Amino acid sequence: MRYAACKVGDLVENDSTTLEAGNKRIAVFFTQGNYYAIDDFCPHAGAPLAGGHVEDCIVTCSWHGWRFRLTDGTWADNPRLKIGSYPCIIEGDTVYVEVPDTPQWPKS
């Protein structure tokens, strides 16, 4: 499913915004002329990643310094750990994030 994140030009270099996509909170970053979307939480202590320091397509968590690649959500210091990463699509002047539908469990 596609979710509107922002308008093209709303974010300046190394800036971010967030959106709610179903039961997920996603951070959208603009850096080096591209938009990237990853889960907006650090798995270490649950801190938001939006607003973290961005350099060389890596965001640094403001709480404890964990670093995640914006290109694929991989923890930059230990590639065995990864958070969700989602494609950004530009249509017209809107930036969308493509998030897979969350499976719905049958109610009992």
Protein backbone atom coordinates (compact mmCIF):
# COMPACT_ATOMS: atom_id res chain seq x y z
CA MET A 1 0.00 0.00 0.00
CA ARG A 2 1.23 3.52 -0.76
CA TYR A 3 1.30 6.28 1.84
CA ALA A 4 1.92 9.96 1.10
CA ALA A 5 4.97 11.14 3.03
CA CYS A 6 5.56 14.71 1.88
CA LYS A 7 5.72 16.98 -1.12
CA VAL A 8 8.87 17.13 -3.23
CA GLY A 9 10.89 20.02 -1.84
CA ASP A 10 9.39 19.90 1.67
CA LEU A 11 12.57 18.35 3.08
CA VAL A 12 15.98 20.00 2.88
CA GLU A 13 19.25 18.04 2.66
CA ASN A 14 19.58 15.51 5.54
CA ASP A 15 16.08 16.34 6.84
CA SER A 16 13.36 13.85 7.76
CA THR A 17 9.66 13.47 8.42
CA THR A 18 7.49 10.63 9.72
CA LEU A 19 4.27 8.95 8.71
CA GLU A 20 1.91 6.34 10.09
CA ALA A 21 1.50 3.37 7.75
CA GLY A 22 -0.97 0.93 9.22
CA ASN A 23 0.60 -0.17 12.50
CA LYS A 24 4.07 1.16 11.60
CA ARG A 25 5.75 4.49 12.12
CA ILE A 26 8.12 5.21 9.25
CA ALA A 27 10.84 7.85 8.94
CA VAL A 28 11.42 9.38 5.52
CA PHE A 29 14.77 11.05 4.86
CA PHE A 30 16.03 13.26 2.04
CA THR A 31 19.77 13.08 1.45
CA GLN A 32 22.09 13.24 -1.53
CA GLY A 33 19.13 14.05 -3.79
CA ASN A 34 17.16 10.90 -2.87
CA TYR A 35 14.33 9.92 -0.55
CA TYR A 36 14.70 6.91 1.77
CA ALA A 37 12.22 5.31 4.16
CA ILE A 38 13.02 3.07 7.15
CA ASP A 39 11.26 2.03 10.34
CA ASP A 40 11.24 4.95 12.77
CA PHE A 41 12.60 3.07 15.75
CA CYS A 42 15.97 1.94 16.95
CA PRO A 43 15.77 -1.71 18.05
CA HIS A 44 18.24 -1.03 20.88
CA ALA A 45 15.91 1.06 23.06
CA GLY A 46 13.00 2.10 20.82
CA ALA A 47 14.20 5.64 20.10
CA PRO A 48 12.84 7.41 17.03
CA LEU A 49 15.32 7.65 14.16
CA ALA A 50 13.66 10.63 12.47
CA GLY A 51 15.58 13.72 13.43
CA GLY A 52 18.79 11.75 13.95
CA HIS A 53 22.05 12.97 12.46
CA VAL A 54 22.41 11.96 8.79
CA GLU A 55 25.77 11.62 7.07
CA ASP A 56 26.77 9.53 4.04
CA CYS A 57 23.29 7.89 3.84
CA ILE A 58 23.52 6.73 7.47
CA VAL A 59 21.28 7.98 10.30
CA THR A 60 22.61 7.95 13.86
CA CYS A 61 20.16 7.32 16.70
CA SER A 62 20.14 10.31 19.02
CA TRP A 63 19.80 8.19 22.17
CA HIS A 64 22.76 5.79 22.02
CA GLY A 65 24.50 6.32 18.69
CA TRP A 66 23.39 3.21 16.79
CA ARG A 67 23.78 3.86 13.05
CA PHE A 68 21.51 2.57 10.28
CA ARG A 69 21.95 2.68 6.51
CA LEU A 70 19.12 4.57 4.87
CA THR A 71 19.50 2.53 1.69
CA ASP A 72 18.43 -0.79 3.25
CA GLY A 73 17.92 -0.40 7.05
CA THR A 74 21.06 -2.38 7.94
CA TRP A 75 22.81 -1.56 11.21
CA ALA A 76 26.05 0.01 9.97
CA ASP A 77 28.13 -1.51 12.79
CA ASN A 78 26.74 -5.05 12.65
CA PRO A 79 25.12 -6.08 9.35
CA ARG A 80 23.35 -9.05 10.98
CA LEU A 81 20.73 -6.64 12.34
CA LYS A 82 18.32 -4.85 10.03
CA ILE A 83 15.18 -2.75 10.38
CA GLY A 84 12.46 -2.30 7.76
CA SER A 85 13.30 -0.37 4.62
CA TYR A 86 10.70 0.75 2.09
CA PRO A 87 10.80 2.11 -1.46
CA CYS A 88 9.98 5.77 -2.04
CA ILE A 89 8.09 6.66 -5.20
CA ILE A 90 7.66 10.16 -6.60
CA GLU A 91 4.45 10.82 -8.51
CA GLY A 92 3.83 14.38 -9.57
CA ASP A 93 4.95 16.49 -6.63
CA THR A 94 4.25 13.90 -3.92
CA VAL A 95 6.66 11.44 -2.30
CA TYR A 96 4.99 8.12 -1.46
CA VAL A 97 6.28 5.22 0.60
CA GLU A 98 5.37 1.68 -0.49
CA VAL A 99 4.65 -0.49 2.57
CA PRO A 100 3.55 -4.11 2.29
CA ASP A 101 0.17 -4.90 3.77
CA THR A 102 0.39 -6.30 7.27
CA PRO A 103 -1.19 -9.75 7.48
CA GLN A 104 -4.37 -9.72 9.52
CA TRP A 105 -4.72 -12.60 11.94
CA PRO A 106 -8.14 -14.26 12.13
CA LYS A 107 -10.15 -13.19 15.14
CA SER A 108 -11.04 -16.02 17.47
